[in-house]
Protein backbone atom coordinates (compact mmCIF):
# COMPACT_ATOMS: atom_id res chain seq x y z
CA UNK A 1 7.11 -2.36 -3.05
CA UNK A 2 5.68 -3.85 0.16
CA UNK A 3 2.12 -3.70 0.91
CA UNK A 4 1.45 -3.68 4.70
CA UNK A 5 -2.29 -4.14 6.06
CA UNK A 6 -2.53 -2.78 9.70
CA UNK A 7 -5.38 -1.50 11.52
CA UNK A 8 -4.71 2.17 12.46
CA UNK A 9 -7.18 4.48 14.44
CA UNK A 10 -9.63 6.57 12.76
CA UNK A 11 -7.47 9.64 13.99
CA UNK A 12 -4.79 8.67 11.60
CA UNK A 13 -7.04 8.82 8.66
CA UNK A 14 -8.41 12.05 9.76
CA UNK A 15 -4.87 13.30 10.07
CA UNK A 16 -4.28 12.06 6.74
CA UNK A 17 -7.12 13.45 5.00
CA UNK A 18 -6.38 16.85 6.88
CA UNK A 19 -3.00 16.89 5.44
CA UNK A 20 -3.81 16.00 1.73
CA UNK A 21 -6.59 18.87 2.14
CA UNK A 22 -3.98 21.27 3.00
CA UNK A 23 -1.80 20.11 -0.04
CA UNK A 24 0.88 18.42 2.17
CA UNK A 25 3.13 16.37 0.10
CA UNK A 26 3.75 12.75 -0.05
CA UNK A 27 6.55 13.04 2.44
CA UNK A 28 4.64 14.59 5.04
CA UNK A 29 1.91 11.87 4.56
CA UNK A 30 4.54 9.24 4.79
CA UNK A 31 5.70 10.90 8.31
CA UNK A 32 2.16 10.67 9.46
CA UNK A 33 1.83 6.80 8.35
CA UNK A 34 5.11 6.06 9.82
CA UNK A 35 4.53 7.60 13.15
CA UNK A 36 1.18 5.74 13.50
CA UNK A 37 2.54 2.38 12.38
CA UNK A 38 5.56 2.76 14.82
CA UNK A 39 3.09 3.37 17.63
CA UNK A 40 0.82 0.40 16.67
CA UNK A 41 3.59 -2.05 16.15
CA UNK A 42 6.41 -1.22 18.71
CA UNK A 43 5.16 1.35 21.40
CA UNK A 44 1.94 -0.30 22.34
CA UNK A 45 3.40 -1.94 25.26
CA UNK A 46 3.84 -5.17 23.40
CA UNK A 47 7.27 -6.73 24.20
CA UNK A 48 7.91 -7.62 20.34
CA UNK A 49 6.55 -6.17 17.22
CA UNK A 50 3.65 -8.60 16.89
CA UNK A 51 2.13 -6.43 14.06
CA UNK A 52 4.76 -7.98 11.51
CA UNK A 53 4.21 -11.57 12.69
CA UNK A 54 0.41 -11.56 12.41
CA UNK A 55 -1.64 -12.57 9.72
CA UNK A 56 -2.94 -9.13 8.79
CA UNK A 57 0.65 -8.47 7.21
CA UNK A 58 0.36 -8.92 3.52
CA UNK A 59 3.38 -8.78 1.27
CA UNK A 60 3.35 -8.61 -2.44
CA UNK A 61 4.69 -7.15 -5.47
CA UNK A 62 2.53 -5.45 -7.99
CA UNK A 63 2.58 -7.17 -11.45
CA UNK A 64 2.95 -4.19 -13.31
């Protein structure tokens, strides 16, 4: 498992909570996150995906 810590706007959290409250499945929530990460990392006008080279990226594996 890869953990990615990336700032996302509050609107994304609201959309995720609304999906959860509407009994949306994990797949729907993953789509919401993927769209938000894609926008944040690749479509924000940056020439390169800077989110993946910044110190805010944390990659680790659970110890369980």
